[in-house]
PDB file of N, CA and C in Angstrom:
ATOM      1  N   MET A   1       3.968   4.702  -8.376  1.00  0.00           N
ATOM      2  CA  MET A   1       4.356   4.404  -7.241  1.00  0.00           C
ATOM      3  C   MET A   1       4.152   5.898  -6.846  1.00  0.00           C
ATOM      4  N   SER A   2       3.427   6.058  -5.581  1.00  0.00           N
ATOM      5  CA  SER A   2       2.923   7.266  -4.964  1.00  0.00           C
ATOM      6  C   SER A   2       4.044   7.700  -4.661  1.00  0.00           C
ATOM      7  N   PHE A   3       4.091   9.129  -4.190  1.00  0.00           N
ATOM      8  CA  PHE A   3       4.996   9.925  -3.467  1.00  0.00           C
ATOM      9  C   PHE A   3       5.528   9.196  -2.047  1.00  0.00           C
ATOM     10  N   GLU A   4       4.668   8.714  -1.444  1.00  0.00           N
ATOM     11  CA  GLU A   4       4.513   8.191  -0.092  1.00  0.00           C
ATOM     12  C   GLU A   4       5.682   6.944  -0.233  1.00  0.00           C
ATOM     13  N   VAL A   5       5.613   6.205  -1.458  1.00  0.00           N
ATOM     14  CA  VAL A   5       6.653   5.176  -1.555  1.00  0.00           C
ATOM     15  C   VAL A   5       8.032   5.655  -1.337  1.00  0.00           C
ATOM     16  N   TRP A   6       8.317   6.823  -2.122  1.00  0.00           N
ATOM     17  CA  TRP A   6       9.761   7.533  -2.089  1.00  0.00           C
ATOM     18  C   TRP A   6      10.069   7.895  -0.419  1.00  0.00           C
ATOM     19  N   ILE A   7       8.857   8.493   0.228  1.00  0.00           N
ATOM     20  CA  ILE A   7       9.070   8.775   1.487  1.00  0.00           C
ATOM     21  C   ILE A   7       9.446   7.360   2.195  1.00  0.00           C
ATOM     22  N   LEU A   8       8.721   6.344   2.037  1.00  0.00           N
ATOM     23  CA  LEU A   8       8.972   5.032   2.936  1.00  0.00           C
ATOM     24  C   LEU A   8      10.359   4.423   2.667  1.00  0.00           C
ATOM     25  N   LEU A   9      10.871   4.718   1.422  1.00  0.00           N
ATOM     26  CA  LEU A   9      12.137   4.213   0.898  1.00  0.00           C
ATOM     27  C   LEU A   9      13.412   5.070   1.758  1.00  0.00           C
ATOM     28  N   HIS A  10      12.987   6.284   2.600  1.00  0.00           N
ATOM     29  CA  HIS A  10      13.754   6.637   3.386  1.00  0.00           C
ATOM     30  C   HIS A  10      14.351   5.533   4.545  1.00  0.00           C
ATOM     31  N   PHE A  11      13.340   4.768   4.840  1.00  0.00           N
ATOM     32  CA  PHE A  11      13.463   4.093   5.989  1.00  0.00           C
ATOM     33  C   PHE A  11      13.434   2.797   5.925  1.00  0.00           C
ATOM     34  N   GLU A  12      13.209   2.156   4.832  1.00  0.00           N
ATOM     35  CA  GLU A  12      13.468   0.762   4.506  1.00  0.00           C
ATOM     36  C   GLU A  12      13.307   0.412   2.828  1.00  0.00           C
ATOM     37  N   GLU A  13      13.823  -0.687   2.695  1.00  0.00           N
ATOM     38  CA  GLU A  13      13.479  -1.273   1.049  1.00  0.00           C
ATOM     39  C   GLU A  13      12.262  -1.671   0.952  1.00  0.00           C
ATOM     40  N   VAL A  14      11.723  -1.254  -0.149  1.00  0.00           N
ATOM     41  CA  VAL A  14      10.229  -1.683  -0.500  1.00  0.00           C
ATOM     42  C   VAL A  14      10.423  -2.680  -1.793  1.00  0.00           C
ATOM     43  N   ASN A  15       9.531  -3.883  -1.517  1.00  0.00           N
ATOM     44  CA  ASN A  15       9.665  -4.738  -2.508  1.00  0.00           C
ATOM     45  C   ASN A  15       8.291  -5.382  -2.666  1.00  0.00           C
ATOM     46  N   ARG A  16       7.274  -4.484  -2.472  1.00  0.00           N
ATOM     47  CA  ARG A  16       5.905  -4.988  -2.634  1.00  0.00           C
ATOM     48  C   ARG A  16       5.015  -3.693  -2.759  1.00  0.00           C
ATOM     49  N   GLN A  17       3.718  -4.037  -3.345  1.00  0.00           N
ATOM     50  CA  GLN A  17       2.902  -3.132  -3.514  1.00  0.00           C
ATOM     51  C   GLN A  17       2.085  -2.710  -2.313  1.00  0.00           C
ATOM     52  N   TYR A  18       1.698  -1.248  -1.995  1.00  0.00           N
ATOM     53  CA  TYR A  18       0.975  -0.955  -0.621  1.00  0.00           C
ATOM     54  C   TYR A  18      -0.328  -0.067  -1.400  1.00  0.00           C
ATOM     55  N   THR A  19      -1.232  -0.192  -0.780  1.00  0.00           N
ATOM     56  CA  THR A  19      -2.327   0.873  -1.022  1.00  0.00           C
ATOM     57  C   THR A  19      -2.090   2.050  -0.320  1.00  0.00           C
ATOM     58  N   ASN A  20      -2.508   3.384  -0.893  1.00  0.00           N
ATOM     59  CA  ASN A  20      -2.118   4.501  -0.212  1.00  0.00           C
ATOM     60  C   ASN A  20      -2.365   4.440   1.143  1.00  0.00           C
ATOM     61  N   GLU A  21      -3.859   3.972   1.545  1.00  0.00           N
ATOM     62  CA  GLU A  21      -3.948   3.934   2.793  1.00  0.00           C
ATOM     63  C   GLU A  21      -3.244   3.098   3.756  1.00  0.00           C
ATOM     64  N   HIS A  22      -2.651   2.206   3.298  1.00  0.00           N
ATOM     65  CA  HIS A  22      -1.843   1.171   4.056  1.00  0.00           C
ATOM     66  C   HIS A  22      -0.607   1.933   4.161  1.00  0.00           C
ATOM     67  N   LEU A  23       0.092   2.754   3.086  1.00  0.00           N
ATOM     68  CA  LEU A  23       1.257   3.560   3.215  1.00  0.00           C
ATOM     69  C   LEU A  23       1.048   4.572   4.395  1.00  0.00           C
ATOM     70  N   LYS A  24       0.183   5.289   4.234  1.00  0.00           N
ATOM     71  CA  LYS A  24      -0.388   6.519   5.496  1.00  0.00           C
ATOM     72  C   LYS A  24      -0.349   5.911   6.612  1.00  0.00           C
ATOM     73  N   ARG A  25      -0.807   4.572   6.905  1.00  0.00           N
ATOM     74  CA  ARG A  25      -0.763   4.167   8.235  1.00  0.00           C
ATOM     75  C   ARG A  25       0.620   3.757   8.738  1.00  0.00           C
ATOM     76  N   LYS A  26       1.316   3.315   7.709  1.00  0.00           N
ATOM     77  CA  LYS A  26       2.733   2.688   8.256  1.00  0.00           C
ATOM     78  C   LYS A  26       3.439   3.884   8.470  1.00  0.00           C
ATOM     79  N   LEU A  27       3.483   4.866   7.467  1.00  0.00           N
ATOM     80  CA  LEU A  27       3.936   6.054   7.793  1.00  0.00           C
ATOM     81  C   LEU A  27       3.861   7.096   9.165  1.00  0.00           C
ATOM     82  N   SER A  28       2.544   6.440   9.640  1.00  0.00           N
ATOM     83  CA  SER A  28       2.052   7.144  11.074  1.00  0.00           C
ATOM     84  C   SER A  28       2.848   6.546  11.892  1.00  0.00           C
ATOM     85  N   GLY A  29       3.172   5.323  11.900  1.00  0.00           N
ATOM     86  CA  GLY A  29       3.583   4.241  13.015  1.00  0.00           C
ATOM     87  C   GLY A  29       4.768   5.164  13.696  1.00  0.00           C
ATOM     88  N   LYS A  30       5.407   4.515  14.985  1.00  0.00           N
ATOM     89  CA  LYS A  30       6.483   4.907  15.893  1.00  0.00           C
ATOM     90  C   LYS A  30       7.689   4.727  15.121  1.00  0.00           C
ATOM     91  N   ASP A  31       7.942   3.876  14.106  1.00  0.00           N
ATOM     92  CA  ASP A  31       9.256   3.741  13.573  1.00  0.00           C
ATOM     93  C   ASP A  31       9.589   4.917  12.321  1.00  0.00           C
ATOM     94  N   TYR A  32       8.608   5.501  12.211  1.00  0.00           N
ATOM     95  CA  TYR A  32       8.174   6.568  10.880  1.00  0.00           C
ATOM     96  C   TYR A  32       8.180   7.849  11.500  1.00  0.00           C
ATOM     97  N   PHE A  33       7.116   8.447  11.357  1.00  0.00           N
ATOM     98  CA  PHE A  33       6.721   9.795  11.548  1.00  0.00           C
ATOM     99  C   PHE A  33       6.130  10.146  13.059  1.00  0.00           C
ATOM    100  N   ASN A  34       5.614   8.615  13.454  1.00  0.00           N
ATOM    101  CA  ASN A  34       5.049   8.661  14.820  1.00  0.00           C
ATOM    102  C   ASN A  34       4.020   9.982  15.275  1.00  0.00           C
ATOM    103  N   THR A  35       3.250  10.194  13.886  1.00  0.00           N
ATOM    104  CA  THR A  35       2.100  10.888  14.266  1.00  0.00           C
ATOM    105  C   THR A  35       1.032  10.847  12.942  1.00  0.00           C
ATOM    106  N   ASN A  36      -0.020  11.166  13.070  1.00  0.00           N
ATOM    107  CA  ASN A  36      -1.170  10.855  11.811  1.00  0.00           C
ATOM    108  C   ASN A  36      -0.267  11.517  10.563  1.00  0.00           C
ATOM    109  N   TYR A  37       0.225  10.749   9.702  1.00  0.00           N
ATOM    110  CA  TYR A  37       0.752  10.928   8.325  1.00  0.00           C
ATOM    111  C   TYR A  37      -0.132  12.012   7.465  1.00  0.00           C
ATOM    112  N   ASN A  38      -1.403  11.378   7.524  1.00  0.00           N
ATOM    113  CA  ASN A  38      -2.444  12.322   6.881  1.00  0.00           C
ATOM    114  C   ASN A  38      -2.591  13.856   7.068  1.00  0.00           C
ATOM    115  N   LYS A  39      -2.362  14.185   8.555  1.00  0.00           N
ATOM    116  CA  LYS A  39      -2.202  15.593   8.830  1.00  0.00           C
ATOM    117  C   LYS A  39      -0.970  15.979   8.753  1.00  0.00           C
ATOM    118  N   PHE A  40       0.372  15.085   8.771  1.00  0.00           N
ATOM    119  CA  PHE A  40       1.342  15.647   8.942  1.00  0.00           C
ATOM    120  C   PHE A  40       1.954  15.993   7.445  1.00  0.00           C
ATOM    121  N   LYS A  41       1.290  15.450   6.446  1.00  0.00           N
ATOM    122  CA  LYS A  41       1.773  15.361   4.895  1.00  0.00           C
ATOM    123  C   LYS A  41       1.784  16.997   4.622  1.00  0.00           C
ATOM    124  N   GLY A  42       2.681  17.536   3.979  1.00  0.00           N
ATOM    125  CA  GLY A  42       2.974  18.746   3.639  1.00  0.00           C
ATOM    126  C   GLY A  42       3.654  19.581   4.355  1.00  0.00           C
ATOM    127  N   ASN A  43       3.918  19.115   6.023  1.00  0.00           N
ATOM    128  CA  ASN A  43       4.941  19.775   6.712  1.00  0.00           C
ATOM    129  C   ASN A  43       6.580  19.862   6.185  1.00  0.00           C
ATOM    130  N   ASN A  44       7.229  20.407   7.055  1.00  0.00           N
ATOM    131  CA  ASN A  44       8.558  20.085   7.168  1.00  0.00           C
ATOM    132  C   ASN A  44       9.014  18.682   7.031  1.00  0.00           C
ATOM    133  N   TYR A  45       9.770  18.171   6.298  1.00  0.00           N
ATOM    134  CA  TYR A  45      10.287  16.535   6.514  1.00  0.00           C
ATOM    135  C   TYR A  45      11.465  16.523   6.719  1.00  0.00           C
ATOM    136  N   ASP A  46      12.107  17.872   6.855  1.00  0.00           N
ATOM    137  CA  ASP A  46      13.800  17.677   7.061  1.00  0.00           C
ATOM    138  C   ASP A  46      14.235  16.877   8.307  1.00  0.00           C
ATOM    139  N   ASP A  47      13.810  17.015   9.305  1.00  0.00           N
ATOM    140  CA  ASP A  47      14.208  16.525  10.553  1.00  0.00           C
ATOM    141  C   ASP A  47      14.042  14.927  10.475  1.00  0.00           C
ATOM    142  N   PHE A  48      12.970  14.605   9.790  1.00  0.00           N
ATOM    143  CA  PHE A  48      12.997  12.977   9.745  1.00  0.00           C
ATOM    144  C   PHE A  48      13.741  12.295   8.751  1.00  0.00           C
ATOM    145  N   LEU A  49      13.749  13.228   7.456  1.00  0.00           N
ATOM    146  CA  LEU A  49      14.494  12.527   5.995  1.00  0.00           C
ATOM    147  C   LEU A  49      15.897  12.921   5.801  1.00  0.00           C
ATOM    148  N   TYR A  50      16.208  14.120   6.263  1.00  0.00           N
ATOM    149  CA  TYR A  50      17.320  14.678   5.427  1.00  0.00           C
ATOM    150  C   TYR A  50      18.537  14.056   5.663  1.00  0.00           C
ATOM    151  N   ASP A  51      18.976  13.270   6.860  1.00  0.00           N
ATOM    152  CA  ASP A  51      19.952  12.040   7.193  1.00  0.00           C
ATOM    153  C   ASP A  51      19.742  10.896   6.308  1.00  0.00           C
ATOM    154  N   ARG A  52      18.405  10.540   5.814  1.00  0.00           N
ATOM    155  CA  ARG A  52      18.305   9.533   5.206  1.00  0.00           C
ATOM    156  C   ARG A  52      18.156   9.517   3.683  1.00  0.00           C
ATOM    157  N   VAL A  53      18.483  10.517   3.103  1.00  0.00           N
ATOM    158  CA  VAL A  53      18.473  10.579   1.709  1.00  0.00           C
ATOM    159  C   VAL A  53      19.214   9.466   0.802  1.00  0.00           C
ATOM    160  N   ALA A  54      20.462   9.431   1.282  1.00  0.00           N
ATOM    161  CA  ALA A  54      21.373   8.360   0.712  1.00  0.00           C
ATOM    162  C   ALA A  54      20.608   7.011   0.690  1.00  0.00           C
ATOM    163  N   ASP A  55      19.988   6.541   1.916  1.00  0.00           N
ATOM    164  CA  ASP A  55      19.314   5.399   2.029  1.00  0.00           C
ATOM    165  C   ASP A  55      18.241   5.329   1.019  1.00  0.00           C
ATOM    166  N   ALA A  56      17.576   6.228   0.883  1.00  0.00           N
ATOM    167  CA  ALA A  56      16.172   6.264   0.071  1.00  0.00           C
ATOM    168  C   ALA A  56      16.919   6.354  -1.373  1.00  0.00           C
ATOM    169  N   LYS A  57      17.873   7.018  -1.600  1.00  0.00           N
ATOM    170  CA  LYS A  57      18.366   6.780  -3.260  1.00  0.00           C
ATOM    171  C   LYS A  57      18.857   5.506  -3.527  1.00  0.00           C
ATOM    172  N   ASN A  58      19.747   4.826  -2.544  1.00  0.00           N
ATOM    173  CA  ASN A  58      20.210   3.470  -2.850  1.00  0.00           C
ATOM    174  C   ASN A  58      18.943   2.224  -2.830  1.00  0.00           C
ATOM    175  N   ASN A  59      17.807   2.655  -1.974  1.00  0.00           N
ATOM    176  CA  ASN A  59      16.741   1.837  -1.705  1.00  0.00           C
ATOM    177  C   ASN A  59      15.740   1.880  -2.926  1.00  0.00           C
ATOM    178  N   GLY A  60      15.762   3.207  -3.617  1.00  0.00           N
ATOM    179  CA  GLY A  60      15.201   3.363  -4.955  1.00  0.00           C
ATOM    180  C   GLY A  60      15.909   2.978  -6.131  1.00  0.00           C
ATOM    181  N   ASP A  61      17.191   3.029  -6.372  1.00  0.00           N
ATOM    182  CA  ASP A  61      18.085   2.382  -7.326  1.00  0.00           C
ATOM    183  C   ASP A  61      17.994   0.830  -7.171  1.00  0.00           C
ATOM    184  N   LYS A  62      17.955   0.126  -5.999  1.00  0.00           N
ATOM    185  CA  LYS A  62      17.419  -1.221  -5.906  1.00  0.00           C
ATOM    186  C   LYS A  62      16.393  -1.546  -6.417  1.00  0.00           C
ATOM    187  N   LEU A  63      15.019  -1.010  -6.134  1.00  0.00           N
ATOM    188  CA  LEU A  63      13.705  -1.263  -6.728  1.00  0.00           C
ATOM    189  C   LEU A  63      13.527  -0.935  -7.958  1.00  0.00           C
ATOM    190  N   LEU A  64      14.276   0.130  -8.505  1.00  0.00           N
ATOM    191  CA  LEU A  64      14.088   0.151 -10.071  1.00  0.00           C
ATOM    192  C   LEU A  64      14.913  -1.019 -10.694  1.00  0.00           C
ATOM    193  N   LYS A  65      15.910  -1.399 -10.054  1.00  0.00           N
ATOM    194  CA  LYS A  65      16.741  -2.377 -10.854  1.00  0.00           C
ATOM    195  C   LYS A  65      16.170  -3.889 -10.743  1.00  0.00           C
ATOM    196  N   SER A  66      15.248  -4.096  -9.779  1.00  0.00           N
ATOM    197  CA  SER A  66      14.868  -5.271  -9.393  1.00  0.00           C
ATOM    198  C   SER A  66      13.685  -5.910 -10.347  1.00  0.00           C
ATOM    199  N   ASN A  67      13.093  -4.958 -11.296  1.00  0.00           N
ATOM    200  CA  ASN A  67      11.970  -5.453 -12.118  1.00  0.00           C
ATOM    201  C   ASN A  67      10.927  -6.390 -11.397  1.00  0.00           C
ATOM    202  N   ASN A  68      10.698  -5.778 -10.245  1.00  0.00           N
ATOM    203  CA  ASN A  68       9.540  -5.929  -9.438  1.00  0.00           C
ATOM    204  C   ASN A  68       8.311  -5.619 -10.161  1.00  0.00           C
ATOM    205  N   ASP A  69       7.319  -6.382  -9.480  1.00  0.00           N
ATOM    206  CA  ASP A  69       5.810  -6.113 -10.105  1.00  0.00           C
ATOM    207  C   ASP A  69       5.329  -4.740  -9.692  1.00  0.00           C
ATOM    208  N   ILE A  70       5.906  -4.272  -8.795  1.00  0.00           N
ATOM    209  CA  ILE A  70       5.820  -2.863  -8.114  1.00  0.00           C
ATOM    210  C   ILE A  70       5.744  -1.620  -9.420  1.00  0.00           C
ATOM    211  N   ILE A  71       7.147  -2.088 -10.206  1.00  0.00           N
ATOM    212  CA  ILE A  71       7.230  -1.148 -11.237  1.00  0.00           C
ATOM    213  C   ILE A  71       6.770  -1.632 -12.487  1.00  0.00           C
ATOM    214  N   LYS A  72       6.459  -2.839 -12.721  1.00  0.00           N
ATOM    215  CA  LYS A  72       5.648  -3.201 -13.782  1.00  0.00           C
ATOM    216  C   LYS A  72       4.318  -2.846 -13.750  1.00  0.00           C
ATOM    217  N   ASP A  73       3.669  -3.060 -13.014  1.00  0.00           N
ATOM    218  CA  ASP A  73       2.199  -2.896 -12.701  1.00  0.00           C
ATOM    219  C   ASP A  73       1.660  -1.353 -12.436  1.00  0.00           C
ATOM    220  N   ASN A  74       2.582  -0.485 -11.959  1.00  0.00           N
ATOM    221  CA  ASN A  74       2.219   0.599 -11.602  1.00  0.00           C
ATOM    222  C   ASN A  74       2.664   1.854 -12.047  1.00  0.00           C
ATOM    223  N   PRO A  75       2.209   3.023 -12.431  1.00  0.00           N
ATOM    224  CA  PRO A  75       3.031   4.188 -12.678  1.00  0.00           C
ATOM    225  C   PRO A  75       3.917   4.537 -11.612  1.00  0.00           C
ATOM    226  N   TYR A  76       5.144   4.773 -12.049  1.00  0.00           N
ATOM    227  CA  TYR A  76       6.046   5.132 -10.853  1.00  0.00           C
ATOM    228  C   TYR A  76       6.867   6.245 -11.103  1.00  0.00           C
ATOM    229  N   MET A  77       7.424   6.691  -9.714  1.00  0.00           N
ATOM    230  CA  MET A  77       8.567   7.997  -9.782  1.00  0.00           C
ATOM    231  C   MET A  77       9.829   7.565  -9.999  1.00  0.00           C
ATOM    232  N   ASN A  78      10.535   7.726 -10.370  1.00  0.00           N
ATOM    233  CA  ASN A  78      11.991   7.475 -10.441  1.00  0.00           C
ATOM    234  C   ASN A  78      12.928   8.692  -9.734  1.00  0.00           C
ATOM    235  N   ILE A  79      12.695   9.077  -8.844  1.00  0.00           N
ATOM    236  CA  ILE A  79      13.150  10.105  -7.824  1.00  0.00           C
ATOM    237  C   ILE A  79      14.636   9.728  -7.721  1.00  0.00           C
ATOM    238  N   SER A  80      15.069   8.338  -7.172  1.00  0.00           N
ATOM    239  CA  SER A  80      16.195   8.218  -7.040  1.00  0.00           C
ATOM    240  C   SER A  80      17.182   8.348  -8.159  1.00  0.00           C
ATOM    241  N   ARG A  81      16.781   8.006  -9.333  1.00  0.00           N
ATOM    242  CA  ARG A  81      17.581   8.541 -10.543  1.00  0.00           C
ATOM    243  C   ARG A  81      17.685   9.979 -10.893  1.00  0.00           C
ATOM    244  N   GLU A  82      17.016  10.719 -10.301  1.00  0.00           N
ATOM    245  CA  GLU A  82      16.807  12.085 -10.613  1.00  0.00           C
ATOM    246  C   GLU A  82      17.264  13.117  -9.357  1.00  0.00           C
ATOM    247  N   ILE A  83      17.385  12.489  -8.237  1.00  0.00           N
ATOM    248  CA  ILE A  83      17.668  13.413  -7.188  1.00  0.00           C
ATOM    249  C   ILE A  83      19.093  14.170  -7.062  1.00  0.00           C
ATOM    250  N   GLY A  84      19.928  13.420  -7.810  1.00  0.00           N
ATOM    251  CA  GLY A  84      21.506  14.134  -8.122  1.00  0.00           C
ATOM    252  C   GLY A  84      21.031  15.629  -9.011  1.00  0.00           C
ATOM    253  N   LYS A  85      20.254  15.392 -10.026  1.00  0.00           N
ATOM    254  CA  LYS A  85      19.964  16.543 -10.893  1.00  0.00           C
ATOM    255  C   LYS A  85      19.182  17.604  -9.904  1.00  0.00           C
ATOM    256  N   ILE A  86      18.340  17.245  -9.391  1.00  0.00           N
ATOM    257  CA  ILE A  86      17.501  17.978  -8.639  1.00  0.00           C
ATOM    258  C   ILE A  86      18.119  18.863  -7.310  1.00  0.00           C
ATOM    259  N   PHE A  87      19.232  18.253  -6.735  1.00  0.00           N
ATOM    260  CA  PHE A  87      19.779  19.122  -5.756  1.00  0.00           C
ATOM    261  C   PHE A  87      21.346  19.448  -6.246  1.00  0.00           C
ATOM    262  N   ARG A  88      21.721  19.123  -7.696  1.00  0.00           N
ATOM    263  CA  ARG A  88      22.914  19.352  -8.313  1.00  0.00           C
ATOM    264  C   ARG A  88      24.098  18.474  -7.423  1.00  0.00           C
ATOM    265  N   THR A  89      23.973  17.511  -7.158  1.00  0.00           N
ATOM    266  CA  THR A  89      25.195  16.775  -6.352  1.00  0.00           C
ATOM    267  C   THR A  89      24.899  15.299  -6.749  1.00  0.00           C
ATOM    268  N   GLU A  90      25.933  14.561  -6.464  1.00  0.00           N
ATOM    269  CA  GLU A  90      25.996  13.264  -6.728  1.00  0.00           C
ATOM    270  C   GLU A  90      26.212  12.497  -5.210  1.00  0.00           C
ATOM    271  N   VAL A  91      26.722  13.449  -4.280  1.00  0.00           N
ATOM    272  CA  VAL A  91      27.036  12.962  -2.895  1.00  0.00           C
ATOM    273  C   VAL A  91      25.876  12.988  -2.009  1.00  0.00           C
ATOM    274  N   PHE A  92      25.424  12.183  -1.172  1.00  0.00           N
ATOM    275  CA  PHE A  92      24.254  12.345  -0.270  1.00  0.00           C
ATOM    276  C   PHE A  92      24.521  11.894   1.114  1.00  0.00           C
TER     277      PHE A  92
END
């Protein structure tokens, strides 16, 4: 799972595979970053994602528990399981 899937999990549940290009186009849309994600990537995400971390964690945990093909067929990152360690908190 690419890092962009983790970003998308802040906005919605993910239960299918996306190409990197499709993810970038999706994240560029008005319901997400509303700007060219390729150019935005690497900038400060706080204004867009800070209030959505709990949603991303919950959505990521659901995805990991689902045994979905996205997990079986692709390398993935389990940020939702590790985010508490990263920020030294269990409350989001």
